[in-house]
């Protein structure tokens, strides 16, 4: 019913940049908060960045000052600009969104399929 599709991942050298995009489609009445998470082997899935419907942002300490989250409500899309990438940023990045499918419904969480980001030394 609701699909989130990430794009923009890939291989980049340390110090480089990537921009991830996540577009939501399907049965959508409204989207509340959106965020980016990541998971690497041996680690828990962790919050990278979060943005509310009002534009308030939150970042993990490890990416503060390097990553920027933004959204385009007209396109149902959230972005993650990643600068000064480090090898420890290597992970699968997942998009998340709280979506209401009907006007009377509350927001439910939906996840994208994930996109691989690999940062080499």
Protein backbone atom coordinates (compact mmCIF):
# COMPACT_ATOMS: atom_id res chain seq x y z
CA UNK A 1 0.00 0.00 0.00
CA UNK A 2 2.85 2.41 0.76
CA UNK A 3 6.30 2.07 -0.77
CA UNK A 4 9.50 3.91 0.07
CA UNK A 5 12.33 3.68 -2.45
CA UNK A 6 15.86 4.85 -1.68
CA UNK A 7 18.43 5.89 -4.25
CA UNK A 8 21.85 7.52 -4.35
CA UNK A 9 23.95 4.97 -2.51
CA UNK A 10 27.26 3.74 -3.82
CA UNK A 11 31.01 3.59 -3.36
CA UNK A 12 32.93 6.73 -2.45
CA UNK A 13 36.36 7.57 -1.07
CA UNK A 14 36.83 8.98 2.41
CA UNK A 15 36.20 12.71 2.40
CA UNK A 16 33.74 12.47 -0.46
CA UNK A 17 30.02 13.16 -0.60
CA UNK A 18 26.80 11.38 -1.47
CA UNK A 19 23.17 12.43 -1.49
CA UNK A 20 20.51 9.85 -0.69
CA UNK A 21 16.90 10.25 -1.75
CA UNK A 22 13.79 8.43 -0.57
CA UNK A 23 10.48 8.82 -2.37
CA UNK A 24 7.21 7.60 -0.88
CA UNK A 25 4.36 6.45 -3.09
CA UNK A 26 1.06 4.59 -2.85
CA UNK A 27 -1.89 5.17 -0.56
CA UNK A 28 -0.75 8.32 1.24
CA UNK A 29 -2.94 10.88 2.94
CA UNK A 30 -0.15 12.61 4.84
CA UNK A 31 3.41 12.01 6.00
CA UNK A 32 4.53 13.01 9.46
CA UNK A 33 8.13 12.51 10.58
CA UNK A 34 10.74 11.04 8.23
CA UNK A 35 14.18 9.72 8.99
CA UNK A 36 17.28 7.85 7.94
CA UNK A 37 18.70 4.84 9.76
CA UNK A 38 21.73 2.70 9.09
CA UNK A 39 22.99 -0.73 9.99
CA UNK A 40 26.41 -2.31 9.55
CA UNK A 41 27.44 -5.92 10.31
CA UNK A 42 27.62 -6.57 14.04
CA UNK A 43 25.79 -3.38 14.96
CA UNK A 44 22.24 -2.41 15.85
CA UNK A 45 20.23 -0.34 13.43
CA UNK A 46 20.74 3.25 14.53
CA UNK A 47 19.09 6.57 13.86
CA UNK A 48 21.18 8.79 11.63
CA UNK A 49 18.89 11.77 11.12
CA UNK A 50 15.26 12.64 11.72
CA UNK A 51 13.01 15.45 10.53
CA UNK A 52 9.52 16.32 11.72
CA UNK A 53 6.70 17.59 9.55
CA UNK A 54 7.52 21.05 10.89
CA UNK A 55 11.16 20.81 9.84
CA UNK A 56 12.79 20.16 13.21
CA UNK A 57 15.89 18.01 12.73
CA UNK A 58 17.83 15.61 14.92
CA UNK A 59 21.20 14.00 14.18
CA UNK A 60 23.31 11.27 15.66
CA UNK A 61 26.41 12.66 17.34
CA UNK A 62 28.60 10.75 14.91
CA UNK A 63 27.22 12.61 11.87
CA UNK A 64 26.49 16.02 13.39
CA UNK A 65 27.95 18.75 11.21
CA UNK A 66 28.59 16.42 8.28
CA UNK A 67 25.11 15.20 7.28
CA UNK A 68 22.01 17.24 6.50
CA UNK A 69 18.46 15.91 6.28
CA UNK A 70 15.77 17.73 4.31
CA UNK A 71 12.38 17.02 2.79
CA UNK A 72 10.18 18.06 -0.11
CA UNK A 73 6.59 17.55 0.95
CA UNK A 74 5.22 18.18 -2.54
CA UNK A 75 7.24 15.20 -3.78
CA UNK A 76 6.83 13.03 -0.65
CA UNK A 77 10.61 12.80 -0.60
CA UNK A 78 13.29 13.00 2.07
CA UNK A 79 16.99 13.56 1.38
CA UNK A 80 20.22 12.95 3.22
CA UNK A 81 23.23 14.97 2.13
CA UNK A 82 26.37 13.25 3.39
CA UNK A 83 29.65 15.18 3.35
CA UNK A 84 33.13 14.41 4.66
CA UNK A 85 32.34 10.70 4.60
CA UNK A 86 34.38 8.35 6.77
CA UNK A 87 34.93 4.58 6.48
CA UNK A 88 32.85 4.14 9.64
CA UNK A 89 29.87 5.56 7.74
CA UNK A 90 29.80 2.36 5.68
CA UNK A 91 26.40 0.70 6.19
CA UNK A 92 23.05 -0.05 4.64
CA UNK A 93 20.95 3.08 4.92
CA UNK A 94 17.19 2.78 5.39
CA UNK A 95 14.50 5.39 4.91
CA UNK A 96 11.61 5.58 7.36
CA UNK A 97 8.39 7.57 7.28
CA UNK A 98 5.29 7.88 9.43
CA UNK A 99 2.38 7.71 6.99
CA UNK A 100 -1.37 8.18 7.41
CA UNK A 101 -3.27 6.37 4.65
CA UNK A 102 -6.66 7.88 5.48
CA UNK A 103 -7.69 11.19 7.02
CA UNK A 104 -9.02 9.50 10.17
CA UNK A 105 -6.04 7.17 10.55
CA UNK A 106 -2.95 7.66 12.68
CA UNK A 107 0.52 7.52 11.21
CA UNK A 108 2.13 4.10 10.82
CA UNK A 109 5.83 3.47 10.20
CA UNK A 110 7.01 2.35 6.77
CA UNK A 111 10.51 1.36 5.69
CA UNK A 112 12.45 1.42 2.46
CA UNK A 113 14.43 -1.55 1.19
CA UNK A 114 17.79 -0.01 2.04
CA UNK A 115 20.69 1.27 -0.03
CA UNK A 116 24.35 0.38 0.44
CA UNK A 117 26.86 3.12 1.19
CA UNK A 118 30.51 2.09 1.16
CA UNK A 119 33.31 4.50 2.07
CA UNK A 120 36.86 3.45 1.27
CA UNK A 121 40.08 4.78 2.80
